[in-house]
Amino acid sequence: MKLRTTTPASNSLRTRFVLVTAAIIFAIATPIQISQTVSADKYDDQIAALQQAVSSYQAQADILNAQAATLQTALAQLANDK
């Protein structure tokens, strides 16, 4: 009794060509990906400036909220006196 595999080994020229082409593409693409540098310094400065602006606006909002609470209390007292 002869034993054979159910799926024959593929030795076609097309398969070899596809594998060699894929290997060449990967060999070329890998150094290109490694050589690209990413710089976020400009964006870090912009983010820091925006965070500082947000902090100043938040401080202004806190002051105005305190004034609004004081005026609301004064209005409530005037309404009670009326």
PDB file of N, CA and C in Angstrom:
ATOM      1  N   MET A   1       0.831  -1.157   0.000  1.00  0.00           N
ATOM      2  CA  MET A   1       0.000   0.000   0.000  1.00  0.00           C
ATOM      3  C   MET A   1       0.890   1.238   0.000  1.00  0.00           C
ATOM      4  N   LYS A   2       0.624   2.156  -0.959  1.00  0.00           N
ATOM      5  CA  LYS A   2       1.406   3.372  -1.060  1.00  0.00           C
ATOM      6  C   LYS A   2       0.707   4.486  -0.289  1.00  0.00           C
ATOM      7  N   LEU A   3       1.501   5.220   0.477  1.00  0.00           N
ATOM      8  CA  LEU A   3       0.954   6.348   1.228  1.00  0.00           C
ATOM      9  C   LEU A   3       1.334   7.644   0.519  1.00  0.00           C
ATOM     10  N   ARG A   4       0.324   8.426   0.195  1.00  0.00           N
ATOM     11  CA  ARG A   4       0.554   9.725  -0.437  1.00  0.00           C
ATOM     12  C   ARG A   4      -0.197  10.797   0.342  1.00  0.00           C
ATOM     13  N   THR A   5       0.309  12.012   0.239  1.00  0.00           N
ATOM     14  CA  THR A   5      -0.389  13.102   0.898  1.00  0.00           C
ATOM     15  C   THR A   5      -1.645  13.444   0.117  1.00  0.00           C
ATOM     16  N   THR A   6      -2.619  13.969   0.807  1.00  0.00           N
ATOM     17  CA  THR A   6      -3.870  14.319   0.140  1.00  0.00           C
ATOM     18  C   THR A   6      -3.753  15.638  -0.604  1.00  0.00           C
ATOM     19  N   THR A   7      -2.832  16.491  -0.178  1.00  0.00           N
ATOM     20  CA  THR A   7      -2.610  17.747  -0.893  1.00  0.00           C
ATOM     21  C   THR A   7      -1.212  17.714  -1.489  1.00  0.00           C
ATOM     22  N   PRO A   8      -1.121  17.787  -2.772  1.00  0.00           N
ATOM     23  CA  PRO A   8       0.196  17.714  -3.395  1.00  0.00           C
ATOM     24  C   PRO A   8       1.013  18.976  -3.098  1.00  0.00           C
ATOM     25  N   ALA A   9       2.309  18.829  -3.018  1.00  0.00           N
ATOM     26  CA  ALA A   9       3.200  19.955  -2.799  1.00  0.00           C
ATOM     27  C   ALA A   9       3.190  20.829  -4.041  1.00  0.00           C
ATOM     28  N   SER A  10       3.107  22.127  -3.823  1.00  0.00           N
ATOM     29  CA  SER A  10       3.025  23.059  -4.940  1.00  0.00           C
ATOM     30  C   SER A  10       4.417  23.515  -5.323  1.00  0.00           C
ATOM     31  N   ASN A  11       4.842  23.191  -6.520  1.00  0.00           N
ATOM     32  CA  ASN A  11       6.149  23.592  -7.017  1.00  0.00           C
ATOM     33  C   ASN A  11       6.005  24.466  -8.251  1.00  0.00           C
ATOM     34  N   SER A  12       4.881  25.147  -8.361  1.00  0.00           N
ATOM     35  CA  SER A  12       4.654  25.910  -9.579  1.00  0.00           C
ATOM     36  C   SER A  12       5.505  27.173  -9.615  1.00  0.00           C
ATOM     37  N   LEU A  13       5.743  27.630 -10.771  1.00  0.00           N
ATOM     38  CA  LEU A  13       6.543  28.833 -10.993  1.00  0.00           C
ATOM     39  C   LEU A  13       5.823  30.068 -10.467  1.00  0.00           C
ATOM     40  N   ARG A  14       4.523  30.086 -10.581  1.00  0.00           N
ATOM     41  CA  ARG A  14       3.734  31.211 -10.105  1.00  0.00           C
ATOM     42  C   ARG A  14       3.856  31.366  -8.584  1.00  0.00           C
ATOM     43  N   THR A  15       3.802  30.266  -7.873  1.00  0.00           N
ATOM     44  CA  THR A  15       3.921  30.316  -6.420  1.00  0.00           C
ATOM     45  C   THR A  15       5.285  30.841  -6.009  1.00  0.00           C
ATOM     46  N   ARG A  16       6.325  30.375  -6.658  1.00  0.00           N
ATOM     47  CA  ARG A  16       7.678  30.848  -6.345  1.00  0.00           C
ATOM     48  C   ARG A  16       7.805  32.344  -6.647  1.00  0.00           C
ATOM     49  N   PHE A  17       7.233  32.771  -7.768  1.00  0.00           N
ATOM     50  CA  PHE A  17       7.300  34.170  -8.150  1.00  0.00           C
ATOM     51  C   PHE A  17       6.595  35.055  -7.111  1.00  0.00           C
ATOM     52  N   VAL A  18       5.426  34.619  -6.650  1.00  0.00           N
ATOM     53  CA  VAL A  18       4.680  35.390  -5.649  1.00  0.00           C
ATOM     54  C   VAL A  18       5.466  35.475  -4.343  1.00  0.00           C
ATOM     55  N   LEU A  19       6.050  34.369  -3.917  1.00  0.00           N
ATOM     56  CA  LEU A  19       6.818  34.374  -2.670  1.00  0.00           C
ATOM     57  C   LEU A  19       8.062  35.258  -2.765  1.00  0.00           C
ATOM     58  N   VAL A  20       8.761  35.186  -3.877  1.00  0.00           N
ATOM     59  CA  VAL A  20       9.955  36.018  -4.058  1.00  0.00           C
ATOM     60  C   VAL A  20       9.562  37.486  -4.132  1.00  0.00           C
ATOM     61  N   THR A  21       8.486  37.804  -4.833  1.00  0.00           N
ATOM     62  CA  THR A  21       8.022  39.190  -4.925  1.00  0.00           C
ATOM     63  C   THR A  21       7.625  39.730  -3.558  1.00  0.00           C
ATOM     64  N   ALA A  22       6.914  38.936  -2.768  1.00  0.00           N
ATOM     65  CA  ALA A  22       6.526  39.359  -1.427  1.00  0.00           C
ATOM     66  C   ALA A  22       7.755  39.593  -0.558  1.00  0.00           C
ATOM     67  N   ALA A  23       8.741  38.731  -0.649  1.00  0.00           N
ATOM     68  CA  ALA A  23       9.967  38.900   0.138  1.00  0.00           C
ATOM     69  C   ALA A  23      10.692  40.181  -0.255  1.00  0.00           C
ATOM     70  N   ILE A  24      10.724  40.491  -1.545  1.00  0.00           N
ATOM     71  CA  ILE A  24      11.387  41.718  -2.008  1.00  0.00           C
ATOM     72  C   ILE A  24      10.626  42.948  -1.512  1.00  0.00           C
ATOM     73  N   ILE A  25       9.320  42.915  -1.577  1.00  0.00           N
ATOM     74  CA  ILE A  25       8.512  44.056  -1.103  1.00  0.00           C
ATOM     75  C   ILE A  25       8.738  44.283   0.383  1.00  0.00           C
ATOM     76  N   PHE A  26       8.731  43.222   1.172  1.00  0.00           N
ATOM     77  CA  PHE A  26       8.980  43.370   2.608  1.00  0.00           C
ATOM     78  C   PHE A  26      10.393  43.883   2.870  1.00  0.00           C
ATOM     79  N   ALA A  27      11.352  43.424   2.087  1.00  0.00           N
ATOM     80  CA  ALA A  27      12.735  43.871   2.278  1.00  0.00           C
ATOM     81  C   ALA A  27      12.885  45.351   1.970  1.00  0.00           C
ATOM     82  N   ILE A  28      12.128  45.859   1.021  1.00  0.00           N
ATOM     83  CA  ILE A  28      12.200  47.280   0.673  1.00  0.00           C
ATOM     84  C   ILE A  28      11.368  48.123   1.644  1.00  0.00           C
ATOM     85  N   ALA A  29      10.206  47.636   2.047  1.00  0.00           N
ATOM     86  CA  ALA A  29       9.285  48.417   2.869  1.00  0.00           C
ATOM     87  C   ALA A  29       9.774  48.584   4.298  1.00  0.00           C
ATOM     88  N   THR A  30      10.467  47.623   4.847  1.00  0.00           N
ATOM     89  CA  THR A  30      10.895  47.697   6.249  1.00  0.00           C
ATOM     90  C   THR A  30      11.849  48.855   6.508  1.00  0.00           C
ATOM     91  N   PRO A  31      12.904  49.071   5.732  1.00  0.00           N
ATOM     92  CA  PRO A  31      13.768  50.230   5.996  1.00  0.00           C
ATOM     93  C   PRO A  31      13.054  51.564   5.798  1.00  0.00           C
ATOM     94  N   ILE A  32      12.095  51.620   4.887  1.00  0.00           N
ATOM     95  CA  ILE A  32      11.354  52.865   4.674  1.00  0.00           C
ATOM     96  C   ILE A  32      10.539  53.196   5.909  1.00  0.00           C
ATOM     97  N   GLN A  33       9.904  52.204   6.515  1.00  0.00           N
ATOM     98  CA  GLN A  33       9.108  52.441   7.713  1.00  0.00           C
ATOM     99  C   GLN A  33       9.990  52.839   8.887  1.00  0.00           C
ATOM    100  N   ILE A  34      11.145  52.244   9.002  1.00  0.00           N
ATOM    101  CA  ILE A  34      12.037  52.542  10.122  1.00  0.00           C
ATOM    102  C   ILE A  34      12.613  53.945   9.993  1.00  0.00           C
ATOM    103  N   SER A  35      12.880  54.406   8.771  1.00  0.00           N
ATOM    104  CA  SER A  35      13.538  55.691   8.578  1.00  0.00           C
ATOM    105  C   SER A  35      12.608  56.877   8.801  1.00  0.00           C
ATOM    106  N   GLN A  36      11.311  56.683   8.816  1.00  0.00           N
ATOM    107  CA  GLN A  36      10.389  57.787   9.029  1.00  0.00           C
ATOM    108  C   GLN A  36      10.405  58.183  10.498  1.00  0.00           C
ATOM    109  N   THR A  37      10.677  59.452  10.759  1.00  0.00           N
ATOM    110  CA  THR A  37      10.681  59.938  12.130  1.00  0.00           C
ATOM    111  C   THR A  37       9.417  60.741  12.384  1.00  0.00           C
ATOM    112  N   VAL A  38       8.957  60.661  13.594  1.00  0.00           N
ATOM    113  CA  VAL A  38       7.751  61.367  13.982  1.00  0.00           C
ATOM    114  C   VAL A  38       8.140  62.424  14.997  1.00  0.00           C
ATOM    115  N   SER A  39       7.705  63.637  14.751  1.00  0.00           N
ATOM    116  CA  SER A  39       8.025  64.732  15.649  1.00  0.00           C
ATOM    117  C   SER A  39       6.733  65.346  16.161  1.00  0.00           C
ATOM    118  N   ALA A  40       6.592  65.386  17.466  1.00  0.00           N
ATOM    119  CA  ALA A  40       5.392  65.959  18.079  1.00  0.00           C
ATOM    120  C   ALA A  40       5.729  67.203  18.888  1.00  0.00           C
ATOM    121  N   ASP A  41       6.953  67.726  18.731  1.00  0.00           N
ATOM    122  CA  ASP A  41       7.357  68.882  19.522  1.00  0.00           C
ATOM    123  C   ASP A  41       6.470  70.089  19.252  1.00  0.00           C
ATOM    124  N   LYS A  42       6.163  70.345  17.984  1.00  0.00           N
ATOM    125  CA  LYS A  42       5.316  71.485  17.634  1.00  0.00           C
ATOM    126  C   LYS A  42       3.939  71.333  18.281  1.00  0.00           C
ATOM    127  N   TYR A  43       3.403  70.136  18.251  1.00  0.00           N
ATOM    128  CA  TYR A  43       2.084  69.902  18.804  1.00  0.00           C
ATOM    129  C   TYR A  43       2.109  69.958  20.326  1.00  0.00           C
ATOM    130  N   ASP A  44       3.202  69.527  20.943  1.00  0.00           N
ATOM    131  CA  ASP A  44       3.312  69.622  22.395  1.00  0.00           C
ATOM    132  C   ASP A  44       3.254  71.073  22.842  1.00  0.00           C
ATOM    133  N   ASP A  45       3.933  71.965  22.104  1.00  0.00           N
ATOM    134  CA  ASP A  45       3.903  73.389  22.442  1.00  0.00           C
ATOM    135  C   ASP A  45       2.497  73.960  22.278  1.00  0.00           C
ATOM    136  N   GLN A  46       1.826  73.575  21.220  1.00  0.00           N
ATOM    137  CA  GLN A  46       0.462  74.058  21.001  1.00  0.00           C
ATOM    138  C   GLN A  46      -0.482  73.548  22.083  1.00  0.00           C
ATOM    139  N   ILE A  47      -0.321  72.301  22.469  1.00  0.00           N
ATOM    140  CA  ILE A  47      -1.171  71.725  23.523  1.00  0.00           C
ATOM    141  C   ILE A  47      -0.933  72.437  24.841  1.00  0.00           C
ATOM    142  N   ALA A  48       0.332  72.710  25.169  1.00  0.00           N
ATOM    143  CA  ALA A  48       0.646  73.409  26.411  1.00  0.00           C
ATOM    144  C   ALA A  48       0.046  74.810  26.409  1.00  0.00           C
ATOM    145  N   ALA A  49       0.125  75.511  25.274  1.00  0.00           N
ATOM    146  CA  ALA A  49      -0.453  76.856  25.181  1.00  0.00           C
ATOM    147  C   ALA A  49      -1.970  76.815  25.347  1.00  0.00           C
ATOM    148  N   LEU A  50      -2.601  75.832  24.723  1.00  0.00           N
ATOM    149  CA  LEU A  50      -4.058  75.709  24.850  1.00  0.00           C
ATOM    150  C   LEU A  50      -4.474  75.342  26.274  1.00  0.00           C
ATOM    151  N   GLN A  51      -3.695  74.483  26.926  1.00  0.00           N
ATOM    152  CA  GLN A  51      -4.013  74.129  28.314  1.00  0.00           C
ATOM    153  C   GLN A  51      -3.867  75.336  29.231  1.00  0.00           C
ATOM    154  N   GLN A  52      -2.877  76.174  28.967  1.00  0.00           N
ATOM    155  CA  GLN A  52      -2.704  77.385  29.762  1.00  0.00           C
ATOM    156  C   GLN A  52      -3.886  78.329  29.541  1.00  0.00           C
ATOM    157  N   ALA A  53      -4.337  78.460  28.294  1.00  0.00           N
ATOM    158  CA  ALA A  53      -5.499  79.306  28.000  1.00  0.00           C
ATOM    159  C   ALA A  53      -6.744  78.766  28.697  1.00  0.00           C
ATOM    160  N   VAL A  54      -6.919  77.457  28.657  1.00  0.00           N
ATOM    161  CA  VAL A  54      -8.077  76.842  29.319  1.00  0.00           C
ATOM    162  C   VAL A  54      -8.028  77.109  30.819  1.00  0.00           C
ATOM    163  N   SER A  55      -6.849  77.028  31.407  1.00  0.00           N
ATOM    164  CA  SER A  55      -6.706  77.277  32.841  1.00  0.00           C
ATOM    165  C   SER A  55      -7.078  78.719  33.181  1.00  0.00           C
ATOM    166  N   SER A  56      -6.637  79.663  32.355  1.00  0.00           N
ATOM    167  CA  SER A  56      -6.978  81.064  32.632  1.00  0.00           C
ATOM    168  C   SER A  56      -8.478  81.303  32.467  1.00  0.00           C
ATOM    169  N   TYR A  57      -9.089  80.681  31.457  1.00  0.00           N
ATOM    170  CA  TYR A  57     -10.536  80.823  31.287  1.00  0.00           C
ATOM    171  C   TYR A  57     -11.292  80.176  32.438  1.00  0.00           C
ATOM    172  N   GLN A  58     -10.780  79.070  32.936  1.00  0.00           N
ATOM    173  CA  GLN A  58     -11.427  78.409  34.065  1.00  0.00           C
ATOM    174  C   GLN A  58     -11.338  79.279  35.312  1.00  0.00           C
ATOM    175  N   ALA A  59     -10.205  79.949  35.510  1.00  0.00           N
ATOM    176  CA  ALA A  59     -10.057  80.856  36.659  1.00  0.00           C
ATOM    177  C   ALA A  59     -11.038  82.015  36.541  1.00  0.00           C
ATOM    178  N   GLN A  60     -11.187  82.567  35.336  1.00  0.00           N
ATOM    179  CA  GLN A  60     -12.161  83.638  35.118  1.00  0.00           C
ATOM    180  C   GLN A  60     -13.577  83.143  35.395  1.00  0.00           C
ATOM    181  N   ALA A  61     -13.879  81.940  34.944  1.00  0.00           N
ATOM    182  CA  ALA A  61     -15.212  81.377  35.165  1.00  0.00           C
ATOM    183  C   ALA A  61     -15.480  81.185  36.650  1.00  0.00           C
ATOM    184  N   ASP A  62     -14.478  80.768  37.414  1.00  0.00           N
ATOM    185  CA  ASP A  62     -14.654  80.603  38.856  1.00  0.00           C
ATOM    186  C   ASP A  62     -14.945  81.941  39.533  1.00  0.00           C
ATOM    187  N   ILE A  63     -14.226  82.989  39.115  1.00  0.00           N
ATOM    188  CA  ILE A  63     -14.460  84.327  39.682  1.00  0.00           C
ATOM    189  C   ILE A  63     -15.876  84.796  39.356  1.00  0.00           C
ATOM    190  N   LEU A  64     -16.295  84.631  38.109  1.00  0.00           N
ATOM    191  CA  LEU A  64     -17.634  85.056  37.710  1.00  0.00           C
ATOM    192  C   LEU A  64     -18.720  84.234  38.405  1.00  0.00           C
ATOM    193  N   ASN A  65     -18.471  82.947  38.653  1.00  0.00           N
ATOM    194  CA  ASN A  65     -19.436  82.124  39.387  1.00  0.00           C
ATOM    195  C   ASN A  65     -19.578  82.601  40.826  1.00  0.00           C
ATOM    196  N   ALA A  66     -18.468  83.007  41.426  1.00  0.00           N
ATOM    197  CA  ALA A  66     -18.524  83.528  42.796  1.00  0.00           C
ATOM    198  C   ALA A  66     -19.318  84.835  42.821  1.00  0.00           C
ATOM    199  N   GLN A  67     -19.085  85.697  41.837  1.00  0.00           N
ATOM    200  CA  GLN A  67     -19.840  86.956  41.764  1.00  0.00           C
ATOM    201  C   GLN A  67     -21.324  86.680  41.536  1.00  0.00           C
ATOM    202  N   ALA A  68     -21.631  85.711  40.689  1.00  0.00           N
ATOM    203  CA  ALA A  68     -23.028  85.367  40.419  1.00  0.00           C
ATOM    204  C   ALA A  68     -23.705  84.847  41.685  1.00  0.00           C
ATOM    205  N   ALA A  69     -22.991  84.051  42.472  1.00  0.00           N
ATOM    206  CA  ALA A  69     -23.574  83.535  43.716  1.00  0.00           C
ATOM    207  C   ALA A  69     -23.837  84.673  44.693  1.00  0.00           C
ATOM    208  N   THR A  70     -22.899  85.632  44.765  1.00  0.00           N
ATOM    209  CA  THR A  70     -23.070  86.777  45.658  1.00  0.00           C
ATOM    210  C   THR A  70     -24.269  87.617  45.213  1.00  0.00           C
ATOM    211  N   LEU A  71     -24.384  87.880  43.937  1.00  0.00           N
ATOM    212  CA  LEU A  71     -25.514  88.659  43.430  1.00  0.00           C
ATOM    213  C   LEU A  71     -26.832  87.917  43.611  1.00  0.00           C
ATOM    214  N   GLN A  72     -26.803  86.602  43.455  1.00  0.00           N
ATOM    215  CA  GLN A  72     -28.021  85.800  43.646  1.00  0.00           C
ATOM    216  C   GLN A  72     -28.478  85.877  45.098  1.00  0.00           C
ATOM    217  N   THR A  73     -27.508  85.845  46.020  1.00  0.00           N
ATOM    218  CA  THR A  73     -27.839  85.963  47.445  1.00  0.00           C
ATOM    219  C   THR A  73     -28.417  87.343  47.732  1.00  0.00           C
ATOM    220  N   ALA A  74     -27.825  88.380  47.146  1.00  0.00           N
ATOM    221  CA  ALA A  74     -28.329  89.739  47.356  1.00  0.00           C
ATOM    222  C   ALA A  74     -29.743  89.872  46.791  1.00  0.00           C
ATOM    223  N   LEU A  75     -30.005  89.276  45.640  1.00  0.00           N
ATOM    224  CA  LEU A  75     -31.365  89.322  45.077  1.00  0.00           C
ATOM    225  C   LEU A  75     -32.360  88.600  45.970  1.00  0.00           C
ATOM    226  N   ALA A  76     -31.930  87.483  46.511  1.00  0.00           N
ATOM    227  CA  ALA A  76     -32.837  86.733  47.396  1.00  0.00           C
ATOM    228  C   ALA A  76     -33.154  87.543  48.641  1.00  0.00           C
ATOM    229  N   GLN A  77     -32.171  88.249  49.199  1.00  0.00           N
ATOM    230  CA  GLN A  77     -32.430  89.104  50.374  1.00  0.00           C
ATOM    231  C   GLN A  77     -33.366  90.253  50.039  1.00  0.00           C
ATOM    232  N   LEU A  78     -33.172  90.878  48.852  1.00  0.00           N
ATOM    233  CA  LEU A  78     -34.070  91.966  48.436  1.00  0.00           C
ATOM    234  C   LEU A  78     -35.497  91.456  48.232  1.00  0.00           C
ATOM    235  N   ALA A  79     -35.610  90.252  47.682  1.00  0.00           N
ATOM    236  CA  ALA A  79     -36.936  89.675  47.477  1.00  0.00           C
ATOM    237  C   ALA A  79     -37.620  89.405  48.810  1.00  0.00           C
ATOM    238  N   ASN A  80     -36.837  88.970  49.818  1.00  0.00           N
ATOM    239  CA  ASN A  80     -37.415  88.719  51.148  1.00  0.00           C
ATOM    240  C   ASN A  80     -37.828  90.027  51.821  1.00  0.00           C
ATOM    241  N   ASP A  81     -36.985  91.062  51.623  1.00  0.00           N
ATOM    242  CA  ASP A  81     -37.309  92.355  52.241  1.00  0.00           C
ATOM    243  C   ASP A  81     -38.539  92.982  51.582  1.00  0.00           C
ATOM    244  N   LYS A  82     -38.757  92.733  50.337  1.00  0.00           N
ATOM    245  CA  LYS A  82     -39.863  93.298  49.602  1.00  0.00           C
ATOM    246  C   LYS A  82     -41.160  92.732  50.139  1.00  0.00           C
TER     247      LYS A  82
END
